[in-house]
Amino acid sequence: MCQVFISADPRLYDNRARSVRLHGVATSIRLENLFWQVLEEIATRDGMSVPQLCARLHDELQAERGSVENFASFLRVCCGRYMALQLSGGIPQDTSIPIRSLNPERVLATEHHRPTLPAARHAA
């Protein structure tokens, strides 16, 4: 079993930082190269650069949740969900089809199983 995972090209799990502007402020995001590759694919599908995609995701997350904590982890989860939704058929594997053209409710309806996670613990 492990051979499937340990045979990955080490360049995929090397990480690098990229600079993006969030609300006019330059910030650095450090992710593994595999995640940068997935973000590049997502951005390209909708005619954006990776920094533009990151800024849009940040703004929409902030509008939805009120704050953005651990943005790098959020981006990793976005990449995982993107790949899972492709496997489930919610997002076409044809990368010429923009994600913005898809019906979000239909895409999300293809999720086979949403894991039940423990509620976030808040310090009192």
N, C-alpha and C. Protein backbone atom coordinates (compact mmCIF):
# COMPACT_ATOMS: atom_id res chain seq x y z
N MET A 1 0.81 -1.19 0.00
CA MET A 1 0.00 0.00 0.00
C MET A 1 0.86 1.26 0.00
N CYS A 2 1.84 1.30 0.85
CA CYS A 2 2.63 2.53 0.98
C CYS A 2 3.38 2.88 -0.29
N GLN A 3 3.73 1.89 -1.09
CA GLN A 3 4.48 2.16 -2.32
C GLN A 3 3.73 3.12 -3.23
N VAL A 4 2.40 3.02 -3.21
CA VAL A 4 1.58 3.92 -4.02
C VAL A 4 1.86 5.38 -3.64
N PHE A 5 2.07 5.61 -2.35
CA PHE A 5 2.26 6.98 -1.87
C PHE A 5 3.73 7.39 -1.83
N ILE A 6 4.60 6.49 -1.42
CA ILE A 6 6.01 6.87 -1.27
C ILE A 6 6.72 7.00 -2.60
N SER A 7 6.11 6.52 -3.67
CA SER A 7 6.73 6.64 -4.99
C SER A 7 6.46 8.00 -5.64
N ALA A 8 5.76 8.89 -4.93
CA ALA A 8 5.47 10.22 -5.47
C ALA A 8 6.76 10.98 -5.72
N ASP A 9 6.77 11.76 -6.76
CA ASP A 9 7.91 12.62 -7.08
C ASP A 9 8.11 13.59 -5.93
N PRO A 10 9.29 13.61 -5.31
CA PRO A 10 9.54 14.51 -4.17
C PRO A 10 9.28 15.98 -4.48
N ARG A 11 9.34 16.35 -5.75
CA ARG A 11 9.05 17.75 -6.10
C ARG A 11 7.59 18.11 -5.80
N LEU A 12 6.71 17.11 -5.76
CA LEU A 12 5.30 17.38 -5.47
C LEU A 12 5.10 17.82 -4.02
N TYR A 13 5.91 17.30 -3.11
CA TYR A 13 5.73 17.68 -1.71
C TYR A 13 6.76 18.68 -1.22
N ASP A 14 7.63 19.13 -2.11
CA ASP A 14 8.44 20.31 -1.79
C ASP A 14 7.47 21.48 -1.69
N ASN A 15 7.78 22.43 -0.85
CA ASN A 15 6.88 23.56 -0.77
C ASN A 15 7.58 24.83 -1.20
N ARG A 16 6.75 25.78 -1.57
CA ARG A 16 7.27 27.09 -1.96
C ARG A 16 6.25 28.15 -1.61
N ALA A 17 6.76 29.33 -1.40
CA ALA A 17 5.89 30.45 -1.07
C ALA A 17 5.64 31.27 -2.32
N ARG A 18 4.42 31.79 -2.40
CA ARG A 18 4.07 32.71 -3.48
C ARG A 18 3.45 33.94 -2.85
N SER A 19 3.70 35.05 -3.47
CA SER A 19 3.18 36.32 -2.97
C SER A 19 1.85 36.61 -3.65
N VAL A 20 0.86 36.98 -2.86
CA VAL A 20 -0.45 37.38 -3.38
C VAL A 20 -0.90 38.64 -2.66
N ARG A 21 -1.78 39.38 -3.29
CA ARG A 21 -2.34 40.59 -2.68
C ARG A 21 -3.75 40.25 -2.19
N LEU A 22 -3.96 40.49 -0.90
CA LEU A 22 -5.28 40.30 -0.31
C LEU A 22 -5.70 41.63 0.29
N HIS A 23 -6.71 42.23 -0.29
CA HIS A 23 -7.18 43.56 0.12
C HIS A 23 -6.05 44.59 0.03
N GLY A 24 -5.26 44.50 -1.03
CA GLY A 24 -4.20 45.47 -1.25
C GLY A 24 -2.93 45.23 -0.46
N VAL A 25 -2.93 44.20 0.37
CA VAL A 25 -1.76 43.90 1.19
C VAL A 25 -1.06 42.67 0.62
N ALA A 26 0.23 42.81 0.35
CA ALA A 26 1.00 41.67 -0.15
C ALA A 26 1.24 40.71 1.00
N THR A 27 0.95 39.44 0.76
CA THR A 27 1.18 38.41 1.76
C THR A 27 1.78 37.20 1.07
N SER A 28 2.39 36.35 1.84
CA SER A 28 3.04 35.16 1.30
C SER A 28 2.28 33.93 1.75
N ILE A 29 2.04 33.02 0.82
CA ILE A 29 1.37 31.75 1.12
C ILE A 29 2.33 30.63 0.75
N ARG A 30 2.55 29.72 1.69
CA ARG A 30 3.45 28.59 1.47
C ARG A 30 2.63 27.30 1.36
N LEU A 31 2.73 26.66 0.19
CA LEU A 31 2.04 25.39 -0.07
C LEU A 31 2.98 24.44 -0.78
N GLU A 32 2.65 23.17 -0.73
CA GLU A 32 3.38 22.17 -1.48
C GLU A 32 3.10 22.36 -2.98
N ASN A 33 4.06 21.98 -3.80
CA ASN A 33 3.94 22.18 -5.25
C ASN A 33 2.70 21.51 -5.83
N LEU A 34 2.31 20.35 -5.31
CA LEU A 34 1.11 19.70 -5.82
C LEU A 34 -0.10 20.62 -5.69
N PHE A 35 -0.23 21.30 -4.56
CA PHE A 35 -1.37 22.20 -4.37
C PHE A 35 -1.29 23.40 -5.30
N TRP A 36 -0.09 23.93 -5.52
CA TRP A 36 0.04 25.04 -6.47
C TRP A 36 -0.38 24.59 -7.87
N GLN A 37 -0.07 23.34 -8.24
CA GLN A 37 -0.47 22.83 -9.55
C GLN A 37 -1.99 22.75 -9.67
N VAL A 38 -2.64 22.27 -8.62
CA VAL A 38 -4.10 22.17 -8.65
C VAL A 38 -4.73 23.56 -8.70
N LEU A 39 -4.21 24.48 -7.90
CA LEU A 39 -4.73 25.85 -7.93
C LEU A 39 -4.54 26.48 -9.31
N GLU A 40 -3.44 26.19 -9.96
CA GLU A 40 -3.20 26.69 -11.32
C GLU A 40 -4.27 26.16 -12.28
N GLU A 41 -4.61 24.88 -12.15
CA GLU A 41 -5.65 24.31 -13.01
C GLU A 41 -7.00 24.96 -12.74
N ILE A 42 -7.34 25.14 -11.48
CA ILE A 42 -8.62 25.76 -11.13
C ILE A 42 -8.67 27.19 -11.68
N ALA A 43 -7.60 27.94 -11.45
CA ALA A 43 -7.56 29.34 -11.91
C ALA A 43 -7.67 29.43 -13.42
N THR A 44 -6.92 28.59 -14.11
CA THR A 44 -6.90 28.62 -15.58
C THR A 44 -8.28 28.32 -16.15
N ARG A 45 -9.01 27.41 -15.51
CA ARG A 45 -10.36 27.07 -16.00
C ARG A 45 -11.25 28.30 -16.08
N ASP A 46 -11.04 29.24 -15.17
CA ASP A 46 -11.90 30.42 -15.13
C ASP A 46 -11.20 31.69 -15.57
N GLY A 47 -10.08 31.53 -16.28
CA GLY A 47 -9.41 32.69 -16.86
C GLY A 47 -8.76 33.60 -15.84
N MET A 48 -8.29 33.03 -14.74
CA MET A 48 -7.64 33.82 -13.70
C MET A 48 -6.21 33.36 -13.50
N SER A 49 -5.45 34.20 -12.84
CA SER A 49 -4.14 33.79 -12.36
C SER A 49 -4.32 33.18 -10.97
N VAL A 50 -3.33 32.48 -10.48
CA VAL A 50 -3.42 31.91 -9.14
C VAL A 50 -3.58 33.01 -8.08
N PRO A 51 -2.81 34.11 -8.16
CA PRO A 51 -3.05 35.17 -7.17
C PRO A 51 -4.47 35.74 -7.23
N GLN A 52 -5.04 35.87 -8.42
CA GLN A 52 -6.42 36.35 -8.54
C GLN A 52 -7.39 35.35 -7.90
N LEU A 53 -7.16 34.05 -8.15
CA LEU A 53 -8.01 33.02 -7.56
C LEU A 53 -7.92 33.06 -6.03
N CYS A 54 -6.69 33.17 -5.52
CA CYS A 54 -6.51 33.22 -4.06
C CYS A 54 -7.22 34.43 -3.46
N ALA A 55 -7.11 35.57 -4.11
CA ALA A 55 -7.77 36.78 -3.61
C ALA A 55 -9.29 36.61 -3.63
N ARG A 56 -9.80 36.01 -4.69
CA ARG A 56 -11.26 35.81 -4.78
C ARG A 56 -11.74 34.83 -3.71
N LEU A 57 -11.02 33.72 -3.54
CA LEU A 57 -11.40 32.76 -2.51
C LEU A 57 -11.35 33.40 -1.12
N HIS A 58 -10.31 34.17 -0.88
CA HIS A 58 -10.17 34.85 0.41
C HIS A 58 -11.34 35.79 0.65
N ASP A 59 -11.68 36.61 -0.36
CA ASP A 59 -12.77 37.57 -0.21
C ASP A 59 -14.11 36.87 0.00
N GLU A 60 -14.36 35.81 -0.75
CA GLU A 60 -15.64 35.11 -0.62
C GLU A 60 -15.72 34.37 0.71
N LEU A 61 -14.61 33.81 1.17
CA LEU A 61 -14.58 33.14 2.47
C LEU A 61 -14.83 34.14 3.59
N GLN A 62 -14.19 35.29 3.48
CA GLN A 62 -14.37 36.33 4.49
C GLN A 62 -15.82 36.82 4.50
N ALA A 63 -16.41 36.98 3.34
CA ALA A 63 -17.81 37.42 3.26
C ALA A 63 -18.75 36.37 3.86
N GLU A 64 -18.44 35.11 3.66
CA GLU A 64 -19.29 34.01 4.16
C GLU A 64 -19.10 33.76 5.65
N ARG A 65 -17.84 33.77 6.10
CA ARG A 65 -17.51 33.38 7.47
C ARG A 65 -17.19 34.54 8.40
N GLY A 66 -16.92 35.71 7.84
CA GLY A 66 -16.60 36.86 8.66
C GLY A 66 -15.13 37.00 8.98
N SER A 67 -14.38 35.93 8.87
CA SER A 67 -12.94 35.99 9.11
C SER A 67 -12.28 34.85 8.34
N VAL A 68 -11.00 34.97 8.19
CA VAL A 68 -10.23 33.95 7.49
C VAL A 68 -9.11 33.49 8.41
N GLU A 69 -9.21 32.26 8.84
CA GLU A 69 -8.17 31.69 9.68
C GLU A 69 -7.54 30.53 8.91
N ASN A 70 -6.24 30.45 8.98
CA ASN A 70 -5.47 29.38 8.34
C ASN A 70 -5.82 29.24 6.85
N PHE A 71 -5.58 30.30 6.13
CA PHE A 71 -5.92 30.35 4.71
C PHE A 71 -5.18 29.29 3.90
N ALA A 72 -3.94 29.00 4.24
CA ALA A 72 -3.19 27.97 3.51
C ALA A 72 -3.88 26.61 3.63
N SER A 73 -4.35 26.28 4.82
CA SER A 73 -5.07 25.01 4.99
C SER A 73 -6.38 25.03 4.20
N PHE A 74 -7.06 26.17 4.20
CA PHE A 74 -8.29 26.30 3.41
C PHE A 74 -8.00 26.01 1.94
N LEU A 75 -6.88 26.55 1.42
CA LEU A 75 -6.54 26.32 0.02
C LEU A 75 -6.26 24.84 -0.24
N ARG A 76 -5.60 24.16 0.70
CA ARG A 76 -5.36 22.72 0.54
C ARG A 76 -6.68 21.96 0.48
N VAL A 77 -7.62 22.33 1.35
CA VAL A 77 -8.92 21.68 1.34
C VAL A 77 -9.65 21.97 0.02
N CYS A 78 -9.55 23.18 -0.48
CA CYS A 78 -10.15 23.51 -1.79
C CYS A 78 -9.62 22.58 -2.87
N CYS A 79 -8.32 22.35 -2.87
CA CYS A 79 -7.71 21.47 -3.87
C CYS A 79 -8.23 20.04 -3.73
N GLY A 80 -8.31 19.56 -2.49
CA GLY A 80 -8.82 18.20 -2.27
C GLY A 80 -10.27 18.07 -2.70
N ARG A 81 -11.07 19.07 -2.38
CA ARG A 81 -12.48 19.03 -2.78
C ARG A 81 -12.63 19.11 -4.30
N TYR A 82 -11.80 19.93 -4.93
CA TYR A 82 -11.82 20.03 -6.39
C TYR A 82 -11.57 18.65 -7.01
N MET A 83 -10.54 17.98 -6.54
CA MET A 83 -10.22 16.66 -7.10
C MET A 83 -11.31 15.64 -6.79
N ALA A 84 -11.84 15.67 -5.57
CA ALA A 84 -12.92 14.74 -5.20
C ALA A 84 -14.17 15.00 -6.02
N LEU A 85 -14.49 16.27 -6.25
CA LEU A 85 -15.67 16.61 -7.04
C LEU A 85 -15.48 16.24 -8.51
N GLN A 86 -14.26 16.24 -8.99
CA GLN A 86 -14.01 15.74 -10.34
C GLN A 86 -14.27 14.23 -10.39
N LEU A 87 -13.78 13.53 -9.38
CA LEU A 87 -13.98 12.07 -9.35
C LEU A 87 -15.46 11.70 -9.23
N SER A 88 -16.22 12.50 -8.49
CA SER A 88 -17.64 12.20 -8.31
C SER A 88 -18.49 12.64 -9.49
N GLY A 89 -17.88 13.38 -10.44
CA GLY A 89 -18.61 13.83 -11.62
C GLY A 89 -19.25 15.20 -11.47
N GLY A 90 -19.10 15.82 -10.32
CA GLY A 90 -19.69 17.14 -10.11
C GLY A 90 -18.99 18.23 -10.90
N ILE A 91 -17.69 18.09 -11.02
CA ILE A 91 -16.89 19.02 -11.83
C ILE A 91 -16.34 18.23 -13.00
N PRO A 92 -16.66 18.64 -14.22
CA PRO A 92 -16.17 17.90 -15.39
C PRO A 92 -14.64 17.85 -15.43
N GLN A 93 -14.10 16.73 -15.87
CA GLN A 93 -12.65 16.60 -16.00
C GLN A 93 -12.14 17.41 -17.19
N ASP A 94 -13.03 17.80 -18.08
CA ASP A 94 -12.67 18.65 -19.21
C ASP A 94 -12.37 20.05 -18.68
N THR A 95 -11.08 20.40 -18.63
CA THR A 95 -10.67 21.65 -18.02
C THR A 95 -11.00 22.88 -18.87
N SER A 96 -11.58 22.67 -20.05
CA SER A 96 -12.01 23.83 -20.85
C SER A 96 -13.37 24.35 -20.37
N ILE A 97 -14.03 23.60 -19.49
CA ILE A 97 -15.33 24.03 -18.96
C ILE A 97 -15.08 24.83 -17.68
N PRO A 98 -15.41 26.12 -17.70
CA PRO A 98 -15.18 26.96 -16.51
C PRO A 98 -16.02 26.49 -15.32
N ILE A 99 -15.44 26.56 -14.16
CA ILE A 99 -16.17 26.19 -12.95
C ILE A 99 -17.32 27.17 -12.71
N ARG A 100 -17.11 28.45 -13.05
CA ARG A 100 -18.17 29.45 -12.83
C ARG A 100 -19.42 29.16 -13.66
N SER A 101 -19.30 28.32 -14.69
CA SER A 101 -20.45 27.99 -15.53
C SER A 101 -21.29 26.86 -14.94
N LEU A 102 -20.81 26.24 -13.87
CA LEU A 102 -21.50 25.09 -13.29
C LEU A 102 -22.51 25.53 -12.23
N ASN A 103 -23.53 24.75 -12.06
CA ASN A 103 -24.53 25.01 -11.03
C ASN A 103 -23.99 24.47 -9.70
N PRO A 104 -23.73 25.35 -8.72
CA PRO A 104 -23.12 24.89 -7.46
C PRO A 104 -23.93 23.81 -6.74
N GLU A 105 -25.25 23.92 -6.75
CA GLU A 105 -26.08 22.92 -6.06
C GLU A 105 -25.92 21.55 -6.71
N ARG A 106 -25.86 21.53 -8.03
CA ARG A 106 -25.68 20.24 -8.73
C ARG A 106 -24.29 19.67 -8.46
N VAL A 107 -23.28 20.54 -8.46
CA VAL A 107 -21.92 20.07 -8.18
C VAL A 107 -21.87 19.45 -6.79
N LEU A 108 -22.38 20.17 -5.80
CA LEU A 108 -22.31 19.70 -4.42
C LEU A 108 -23.17 18.46 -4.18
N ALA A 109 -24.21 18.27 -4.98
CA ALA A 109 -25.07 17.09 -4.83
C ALA A 109 -24.33 15.81 -5.20
N THR A 110 -23.21 15.94 -5.90
CA THR A 110 -22.47 14.73 -6.30
C THR A 110 -21.53 14.23 -5.21
N GLU A 111 -21.36 15.02 -4.14
CA GLU A 111 -20.48 14.57 -3.07
C GLU A 111 -21.06 13.29 -2.47
N HIS A 112 -20.26 12.25 -2.49
CA HIS A 112 -20.74 10.95 -2.03
C HIS A 112 -20.88 10.88 -0.52
N HIS A 113 -19.94 11.49 0.16
CA HIS A 113 -19.96 11.37 1.61
C HIS A 113 -19.26 12.57 2.21
N ARG A 114 -19.97 13.29 2.99
CA ARG A 114 -19.35 14.39 3.72
C ARG A 114 -18.98 13.86 5.08
N PRO A 115 -17.70 13.88 5.39
CA PRO A 115 -17.29 13.35 6.69
C PRO A 115 -17.85 14.17 7.84
N THR A 116 -18.21 13.48 8.88
CA THR A 116 -18.69 14.15 10.07
C THR A 116 -17.47 14.48 10.92
N LEU A 117 -17.24 15.75 11.08
CA LEU A 117 -16.08 16.20 11.84
C LEU A 117 -16.54 16.71 13.19
N PRO A 118 -15.70 16.55 14.20
CA PRO A 118 -16.08 17.09 15.51
C PRO A 118 -16.22 18.60 15.42
N ALA A 119 -17.11 19.14 16.22
CA ALA A 119 -17.31 20.59 16.25
C ALA A 119 -16.02 21.26 16.71
N ALA A 120 -15.79 22.43 16.17
CA ALA A 120 -14.59 23.18 16.55
C ALA A 120 -14.66 23.51 18.02
N ARG A 121 -13.55 23.38 18.69
CA ARG A 121 -13.49 23.72 20.10
C ARG A 121 -13.06 25.15 20.25
N HIS A 122 -13.78 25.87 21.04
CA HIS A 122 -13.47 27.27 21.26
C HIS A 122 -12.98 27.44 22.70
N ALA A 123 -11.92 28.19 22.83
CA ALA A 123 -11.41 28.47 24.18
C ALA A 123 -12.39 29.38 24.90
N ALA A 124 -12.68 29.05 26.13
CA ALA A 124 -13.62 29.87 26.90
C ALA A 124 -12.90 30.92 27.69
